Amino acid sequence: MITIVEANTPKLLKEFVMFPFYLYKNHPYWVPPLINDEIETFDKTKNPAFTSAEANFYLAYKDDCIVGRIAAIINWDEVNKQEKSKVRFGWWDVIDDIEVTKALLEKVYELGRKNNLEYVEGPMGFSNLDKVGVLTEGFDEMGSMITWYNFPYYAIHLEQLGYVKEKEYLENKFPFANVKPEHFEKANELVRKRYGLKPLNFTNNKDIMPYVDKMFDLFNASYANLSSFVAITGVQKDYFKKKYISFINPEYIKFVMDKEDNMVAFSIVMPSFSSALQKAKGKLFPFGFYHLLKAKSDSKEVLFYLIGVDPEYQNKGATAIIFNEYYNTFKAKGILNCIRTPELEDNHAIQNIWKHFDPQIFKRRRTYRKNL
């Protein structure tokens, strides 16, 4: 018999966070999150996502053992401002038992129907800066700190329960050796002269902070036309600023400014923390902090986390300036591999940016949809 329990106490929320640690124990490609960070993500007093979203967290039990988990989420900005009558599910992990999946998803349907919503989509988080998608290809590739890993049967469960593909995401990688400066050096010079643009580089995280709000404003503007996009709010900006900027090498954040010091493009790259997080096993202490710091300074693999260009400059070559700056930084640091985090399959503008680097698709993931 399967029993579903709402994880509505600190003890149960800790169990909710810890379940994947048991499910994927010693798995070579699963990358564990930091336990305390994950708990804070679900804390309604700390995560500003709850100012515009609501969520319930559920655990599935069978023979007194936890066998699955799921979060049922409504992003009210998405429902009210974008008029998408959608309930989301995320942080879904389960043993290979479709009845457990079915029982967990029933709790998502309950939340959707209670609020007269029309369909369910997932897996996805509260916002566009959360993890997204169930992995459908690339099970023998290392995960990352900004993606979910899952077993192949996850997608099979959803399809057998009548779900259909809603969005497809691609993950690409390329060796740094593929980056030939002649593809962007000339364009870099031309664009800078023609439009009066200049790069902004950093060596200290505190110098970045005054620009972060502008960066998120530009993020909202540059992604506004994507079908899945929900804008980042003011309180979320402050939260992500504190939570993530310190994780990122200051020299891996690049801005492009115009003559009036308006930001027209930005990019954030992160060192790969995958191996460090596996060694940390979800804990910063006693040794996790050391592994993360070492990865921050020594990792020869980088993840292109976010890139955004003002719509007015999207066809004017502003990315040539960004790539020129990264080329110099990566060459000095001896970077070997570059990974692009999940990008929508139909986001042709972003794919066009990378065409000269001969990127290879090495993972695919999807969100799935079902009408209520």
Protein backbone atom coordinates (compact mmCIF):
# COMPACT_ATOMS: atom_id res chain seq x y z
CA MET A 1 0.00 0.00 0.00
CA ILE A 2 1.25 3.50 -0.90
CA THR A 3 0.75 6.31 1.59
CA ILE A 4 1.28 10.00 0.72
CA VAL A 5 2.29 12.36 3.53
CA GLU A 6 2.71 16.13 3.28
CA ALA A 7 6.22 17.20 4.29
CA ASN A 8 5.04 20.09 6.46
CA THR A 9 7.43 19.88 9.43
CA PRO A 10 11.21 20.53 9.58
CA LYS A 11 11.80 16.80 10.12
CA LEU A 12 9.71 15.77 7.11
CA LEU A 13 11.22 18.49 4.91
CA LYS A 14 14.66 17.16 5.81
CA GLU A 15 13.45 13.70 4.72
CA PHE A 16 12.16 15.28 1.50
CA VAL A 17 15.62 16.72 0.81
CA MET A 18 17.46 13.54 1.78
CA PHE A 19 15.45 11.03 -0.28
CA PRO A 20 17.54 11.47 -3.49
CA PHE A 21 20.69 10.85 -1.42
CA TYR A 22 19.35 7.34 -0.75
CA LEU A 23 17.92 6.80 -4.24
CA TYR A 24 21.17 7.78 -5.99
CA LYS A 25 23.64 6.63 -3.35
CA ASN A 26 27.09 6.08 -4.92
CA HIS A 27 25.69 6.85 -8.38
CA PRO A 28 28.61 8.04 -10.59
CA TYR A 29 26.65 10.76 -12.44
CA TRP A 30 24.29 12.17 -9.80
CA VAL A 31 25.46 15.47 -8.27
CA PRO A 32 24.07 16.06 -4.77
CA PRO A 33 22.86 19.51 -3.76
CA LEU A 34 24.02 21.18 -0.57
CA ILE A 35 21.55 19.96 2.03
CA ASN A 36 21.17 23.26 3.91
CA ASP A 37 20.74 25.22 0.66
CA GLU A 38 18.05 22.82 -0.47
CA ILE A 39 16.20 23.08 2.85
CA GLU A 40 16.33 26.89 2.57
CA THR A 41 14.84 26.64 -0.94
CA PHE A 42 11.72 25.09 0.59
CA ASP A 43 11.56 27.50 3.55
CA LYS A 44 8.63 29.86 2.97
CA THR A 45 10.21 32.45 5.28
CA LYS A 46 13.51 32.54 3.36
CA ASN A 47 12.89 31.87 -0.33
CA PRO A 48 11.27 34.94 -1.98
CA ALA A 49 9.75 32.69 -4.65
CA PHE A 50 6.93 32.20 -2.13
CA THR A 51 5.91 35.86 -2.49
CA SER A 52 4.43 34.96 -5.88
CA ALA A 53 4.14 31.18 -5.65
CA GLU A 54 2.76 28.50 -3.39
CA ALA A 55 3.96 24.94 -2.98
CA ASN A 56 3.19 21.77 -1.09
CA PHE A 57 5.76 19.02 -0.62
CA TYR A 58 4.85 15.34 -0.46
CA LEU A 59 6.54 12.06 0.43
CA ALA A 60 5.39 8.62 -0.68
CA TYR A 61 5.75 5.67 1.71
CA LYS A 62 5.56 1.97 1.02
CA ASP A 63 6.14 -0.59 3.80
CA ASP A 64 7.20 2.30 6.05
CA CYS A 65 10.00 3.32 3.66
CA ILE A 66 10.13 6.54 1.63
CA VAL A 67 9.85 5.62 -2.05
CA GLY A 68 9.19 8.98 -3.71
CA ARG A 69 8.78 12.74 -3.37
CA ILE A 70 7.19 15.60 -5.31
CA ALA A 71 6.54 19.34 -5.01
CA ALA A 72 3.19 20.71 -6.24
CA ILE A 73 3.68 24.36 -7.26
CA ILE A 74 1.60 27.26 -8.51
CA ASN A 75 3.46 30.30 -9.80
CA TRP A 76 0.75 32.93 -9.42
CA ASP A 77 2.57 35.47 -11.62
CA GLU A 78 2.44 32.91 -14.40
CA VAL A 79 -1.26 32.20 -13.80
CA ASN A 80 -2.44 35.80 -13.32
CA LYS A 81 -0.09 37.88 -15.48
CA GLN A 82 0.54 35.42 -18.31
CA GLU A 83 -2.86 33.76 -18.05
CA LYS A 84 -1.34 30.27 -18.11
CA SER A 85 -3.76 28.07 -16.20
CA LYS A 86 -1.00 25.76 -15.00
CA VAL A 87 0.03 23.85 -11.91
CA ARG A 88 3.67 22.77 -11.84
CA PHE A 89 5.45 19.81 -10.31
CA GLY A 90 9.12 19.65 -9.43
CA TRP A 91 11.71 18.02 -7.19
CA TRP A 92 10.23 14.71 -8.29
CA ASP A 93 12.16 11.57 -7.45
CA VAL A 94 10.78 8.06 -7.32
CA ILE A 95 11.64 4.37 -7.32
CA ASP A 96 10.75 2.44 -10.46
CA ASP A 97 7.12 1.91 -9.51
CA ILE A 98 4.58 3.72 -11.68
CA GLU A 99 1.94 3.41 -8.95
CA VAL A 100 4.11 5.58 -6.69
CA THR A 101 4.46 8.18 -9.45
CA LYS A 102 0.71 8.07 -10.02
CA ALA A 103 -0.05 8.57 -6.32
CA LEU A 104 2.36 11.51 -6.03
CA LEU A 105 0.98 13.23 -9.14
CA GLU A 106 -2.56 12.95 -7.74
CA LYS A 107 -1.51 15.48 -5.08
CA VAL A 108 -0.44 17.87 -7.85
CA TYR A 109 -3.79 17.42 -9.58
CA GLU A 110 -5.58 18.15 -6.30
CA LEU A 111 -3.83 21.52 -5.99
CA GLY A 112 -4.56 22.33 -9.64
CA ARG A 113 -8.24 21.42 -9.48
CA LYS A 114 -8.73 23.24 -6.18
CA ASN A 115 -7.59 26.41 -7.96
CA ASN A 116 -9.50 25.71 -11.19
CA LEU A 117 -6.33 25.28 -13.25
CA GLU A 118 -6.44 23.51 -16.58
CA TYR A 119 -3.20 21.56 -16.94
CA VAL A 120 -0.07 20.33 -15.20
CA GLU A 121 3.53 20.72 -16.41
CA GLY A 122 6.81 19.53 -15.02
CA PRO A 123 9.27 18.86 -13.74
CA MET A 124 10.15 22.49 -13.10
CA GLY A 125 10.83 24.75 -10.15
CA PHE A 126 9.34 28.03 -8.95
CA SER A 127 11.05 30.24 -11.56
CA ASN A 128 13.31 30.25 -14.62
CA LEU A 129 16.41 30.20 -12.42
CA ASP A 130 15.41 26.86 -10.90
CA LYS A 131 16.21 23.45 -12.34
CA VAL A 132 14.00 22.18 -15.14
CA GLY A 133 13.16 19.07 -17.12
CA VAL A 134 13.37 15.32 -16.87
CA LEU A 135 16.50 13.87 -18.47
CA THR A 136 15.71 11.83 -21.60
CA GLU A 137 19.23 11.44 -23.10
CA GLY A 138 22.67 11.60 -21.51
CA PHE A 139 22.24 9.27 -18.55
CA ASP A 140 25.94 8.37 -18.69
CA GLU A 141 27.05 12.00 -18.43
CA MET A 142 27.88 13.85 -15.22
CA GLY A 143 25.12 16.08 -13.87
CA SER A 144 25.68 19.62 -12.66
CA MET A 145 24.68 21.79 -9.72
CA ILE A 146 22.04 23.52 -11.85
CA THR A 147 20.31 20.49 -13.37
CA TRP A 148 18.39 17.48 -12.09
CA TYR A 149 19.64 13.98 -12.79
CA ASN A 150 17.20 11.09 -13.07
CA PHE A 151 16.95 7.45 -14.09
CA PRO A 152 15.62 6.57 -17.60
CA TYR A 153 12.31 5.26 -16.22
CA TYR A 154 11.13 8.75 -15.14
CA ALA A 155 10.08 9.75 -18.66
CA ILE A 156 8.57 6.30 -19.24
CA HIS A 157 6.36 6.70 -16.15
CA LEU A 158 5.05 10.06 -17.38
CA GLU A 159 4.37 8.85 -20.92
CA GLN A 160 2.55 5.76 -19.64
CA LEU A 161 0.38 8.07 -17.52
CA GLY A 162 -0.71 10.05 -20.58
CA TYR A 163 1.76 12.95 -20.45
CA VAL A 164 3.03 14.51 -23.68
CA LYS A 165 6.15 16.52 -24.38
CA GLU A 166 5.66 20.23 -23.70
CA LYS A 167 9.20 21.67 -24.05
CA GLU A 168 12.50 20.20 -25.13
CA TYR A 169 15.80 21.45 -23.71
CA LEU A 170 19.25 20.81 -25.17
CA GLU A 171 22.57 20.71 -23.37
CA ASN A 172 25.69 21.20 -25.47
CA LYS A 173 29.41 21.04 -24.84
CA PHE A 174 32.54 21.85 -26.77
CA PRO A 175 36.28 21.78 -26.04
CA PHE A 176 37.85 25.20 -25.57
CA ALA A 177 40.20 24.21 -28.41
CA ASN A 178 37.19 24.68 -30.75
CA VAL A 179 37.13 28.41 -29.98
CA LYS A 180 38.94 30.21 -32.77
CA PRO A 181 39.40 33.93 -32.00
CA GLU A 182 39.22 34.90 -35.67
CA HIS A 183 35.47 34.24 -35.51
CA PHE A 184 34.88 37.15 -33.15
CA GLU A 185 38.04 39.33 -32.91
CA LYS A 186 37.22 41.46 -35.96
CA ALA A 187 33.52 41.69 -35.04
CA ASN A 188 34.50 42.70 -31.50
CA GLU A 189 36.45 45.70 -32.81
CA LEU A 190 33.78 46.70 -35.33
CA VAL A 191 30.89 46.49 -32.86
CA ARG A 192 32.75 48.44 -30.19
CA LYS A 193 33.50 51.27 -32.64
CA ARG A 194 30.14 51.33 -34.40
CA TYR A 195 27.96 51.37 -31.29
CA GLY A 196 30.32 52.80 -28.70
CA LEU A 197 30.22 49.63 -26.59
CA LYS A 198 32.79 48.51 -24.03
CA PRO A 199 33.36 45.40 -21.93
CA LEU A 200 33.27 45.48 -18.14
CA ASN A 201 35.45 42.94 -16.31
CA PHE A 202 35.89 42.24 -12.60
CA THR A 203 38.43 40.85 -10.19
CA ASN A 204 36.37 41.27 -7.00
CA ASN A 205 32.84 40.08 -6.22
CA LYS A 206 31.89 43.20 -4.26
CA ASP A 207 32.55 45.36 -7.34
CA ILE A 208 29.91 43.35 -9.23
CA MET A 209 27.11 43.93 -6.71
CA PRO A 210 26.11 47.46 -7.86
CA TYR A 211 25.43 46.04 -11.35
CA VAL A 212 23.45 42.92 -10.41
CA ASP A 213 20.00 44.57 -10.39
CA LYS A 214 20.67 45.98 -13.89
CA MET A 215 21.72 42.50 -14.98
CA PHE A 216 18.46 40.93 -13.78
CA ASP A 217 16.47 43.73 -15.46
CA LEU A 218 18.28 42.90 -18.70
CA PHE A 219 17.68 39.20 -18.07
CA ASN A 220 13.95 39.89 -17.84
CA ALA A 221 14.00 42.00 -21.02
CA SER A 222 16.10 39.63 -23.12
CA TYR A 223 14.09 36.48 -22.28
CA ALA A 224 10.62 38.07 -22.20
CA ASN A 225 9.55 36.60 -25.54
CA LEU A 226 10.25 32.97 -24.62
CA SER A 227 7.07 30.99 -24.05
CA SER A 228 8.17 29.62 -20.67
CA PHE A 229 9.55 32.84 -19.18
CA VAL A 230 8.36 34.31 -15.90
CA ALA A 231 10.13 37.55 -14.89
CA ILE A 232 12.38 37.67 -11.81
CA THR A 233 10.92 39.95 -9.13
CA GLY A 234 12.74 42.52 -7.00
CA VAL A 235 12.93 40.34 -3.88
CA GLN A 236 14.14 37.40 -5.97
CA LYS A 237 16.95 39.57 -7.34
CA ASP A 238 18.21 40.23 -3.81
CA TYR A 239 17.95 36.54 -2.92
CA PHE A 240 19.83 35.27 -5.97
CA LYS A 241 22.41 38.01 -5.54
CA LYS A 242 23.28 36.79 -2.04
CA LYS A 243 22.95 33.10 -2.85
CA TYR A 244 24.86 32.75 -6.11
CA ILE A 245 27.23 35.62 -6.84
CA SER A 246 29.74 34.48 -4.21
CA PHE A 247 29.83 31.05 -5.91
CA ILE A 248 31.05 32.58 -9.15
CA ASN A 249 34.57 33.71 -10.00
CA PRO A 250 34.36 37.49 -10.54
CA GLU A 251 36.36 37.18 -13.76
CA TYR A 252 33.65 34.84 -15.09
CA ILE A 253 31.02 37.59 -15.07
CA LYS A 254 31.13 39.83 -18.15
CA PHE A 255 29.04 42.91 -18.90
CA VAL A 256 28.84 45.02 -22.06
CA MET A 257 27.97 48.70 -21.54
CA ASP A 258 27.03 51.46 -23.97
CA LYS A 259 28.26 55.09 -24.02
CA GLU A 260 25.73 56.08 -21.32
CA ASP A 261 26.79 53.17 -19.10
CA ASN A 262 23.60 51.22 -19.79
CA MET A 263 24.05 47.46 -19.77
CA VAL A 264 23.34 45.94 -23.19
CA ALA A 265 24.65 42.39 -22.67
CA PHE A 266 25.82 40.13 -19.88
CA SER A 267 27.04 36.61 -19.33
CA ILE A 268 27.62 34.47 -16.25
CA VAL A 269 29.88 31.44 -16.38
CA MET A 270 30.46 29.10 -13.46
CA PRO A 271 33.30 26.72 -12.78
CA SER A 272 32.09 23.13 -12.73
CA PHE A 273 31.41 22.11 -9.12
CA SER A 274 30.14 18.61 -9.99
CA SER A 275 33.07 16.56 -8.68
CA ALA A 276 33.45 18.85 -5.66
CA LEU A 277 29.77 18.43 -4.74
CA GLN A 278 30.06 14.66 -5.06
CA LYS A 279 32.98 14.75 -2.63
CA ALA A 280 31.12 17.11 -0.28
CA LYS A 281 28.14 14.68 -0.07
CA GLY A 282 25.74 17.56 0.58
CA LYS A 283 27.66 19.12 3.45
CA LEU A 284 29.89 22.20 3.59
CA PHE A 285 31.65 21.00 6.73
CA PRO A 286 34.08 19.60 7.60
CA PHE A 287 35.55 19.23 4.08
CA GLY A 288 32.89 20.28 1.57
CA PHE A 289 33.86 23.94 1.70
CA TYR A 290 37.46 23.03 0.85
CA HIS A 291 36.38 20.95 -2.19
CA LEU A 292 34.17 23.79 -3.48
CA LEU A 293 36.87 26.43 -3.03
CA LYS A 294 39.37 24.22 -4.81
CA ALA A 295 36.95 23.71 -7.72
CA LYS A 296 36.30 27.45 -7.88
CA SER A 297 39.99 28.17 -8.37
CA ASP A 298 41.19 25.04 -10.21
CA SER A 299 38.33 23.64 -12.34
CA LYS A 300 39.25 23.34 -16.01
CA GLU A 301 35.60 22.96 -16.99
CA VAL A 302 33.12 25.83 -17.10
CA LEU A 303 29.34 26.10 -17.43
CA PHE A 304 27.74 28.93 -19.40
CA TYR A 305 24.96 29.62 -16.92
CA LEU A 306 23.23 32.73 -18.32
CA ILE A 307 23.68 34.98 -21.30
CA GLY A 308 21.42 37.87 -22.17
CA VAL A 309 21.41 40.64 -24.77
CA ASP A 310 19.19 43.70 -24.93
CA PRO A 311 16.63 43.07 -27.73
CA GLU A 312 17.88 46.23 -29.46
CA TYR A 313 21.37 44.71 -29.74
CA GLN A 314 20.51 41.06 -30.40
CA ASN A 315 21.50 41.19 -34.06
CA LYS A 316 24.35 43.67 -33.73
CA GLY A 317 27.20 41.41 -32.60
CA ALA A 318 27.38 42.35 -28.90
CA THR A 319 28.20 38.72 -28.06
CA ALA A 320 31.46 39.07 -29.99
CA ILE A 321 32.66 41.39 -27.21
CA ILE A 322 31.66 38.85 -24.55
CA PHE A 323 33.39 35.96 -26.33
CA ASN A 324 36.53 38.00 -26.87
CA GLU A 325 36.73 38.71 -23.13
CA TYR A 326 36.05 35.08 -22.19
CA TYR A 327 38.64 33.86 -24.66
CA ASN A 328 41.32 35.87 -22.92
CA THR A 329 40.14 34.79 -19.45
CA PHE A 330 39.83 31.09 -20.30
CA LYS A 331 43.15 30.99 -22.10
CA ALA A 332 44.90 32.45 -19.05
CA LYS A 333 43.18 29.91 -16.77
CA GLY A 334 43.84 26.89 -18.98
CA ILE A 335 40.16 26.00 -19.42
CA LEU A 336 39.67 22.76 -21.36
CA ASN A 337 35.91 22.24 -21.71
CA CYS A 338 32.84 24.46 -22.01
CA ILE A 339 29.28 23.31 -21.19
CA ARG A 340 26.04 25.08 -22.02
CA THR A 341 23.27 24.62 -19.54
CA PRO A 342 19.74 23.67 -20.73
CA GLU A 343 18.43 25.84 -23.56
CA LEU A 344 15.05 25.59 -25.23
CA GLU A 345 15.19 23.66 -28.48
CA ASP A 346 13.26 26.44 -30.24
CA ASN A 347 15.52 29.24 -28.95
CA HIS A 348 17.27 29.59 -32.30
CA ALA A 349 18.75 32.98 -31.43
CA ILE A 350 20.84 31.52 -28.61
CA GLN A 351 21.86 28.50 -30.69
CA ASN A 352 23.05 30.81 -33.47
CA ILE A 353 25.41 32.51 -31.01
CA TRP A 354 27.41 29.27 -30.56
CA LYS A 355 27.50 27.93 -34.11
CA HIS A 356 31.21 28.67 -34.72
CA PHE A 357 32.31 26.52 -31.77
CA ASP A 358 30.94 23.25 -33.21
CA PRO A 359 28.98 22.34 -30.06
CA GLN A 360 27.76 18.78 -29.57
CA ILE A 361 24.41 17.94 -27.97
CA PHE A 362 25.18 15.55 -25.12
CA LYS A 363 21.96 15.69 -23.10
CA ARG A 364 18.29 16.29 -23.73
CA ARG A 365 15.57 16.93 -21.21
CA ARG A 366 11.87 17.67 -21.37
CA THR A 367 9.00 19.05 -19.46
CA TYR A 368 5.79 17.07 -19.83
CA ARG A 369 2.19 18.24 -19.84
CA LYS A 370 -1.21 16.73 -19.08
CA ASN A 371 -4.64 18.32 -19.04
CA LEU A 372 -6.49 18.14 -15.75
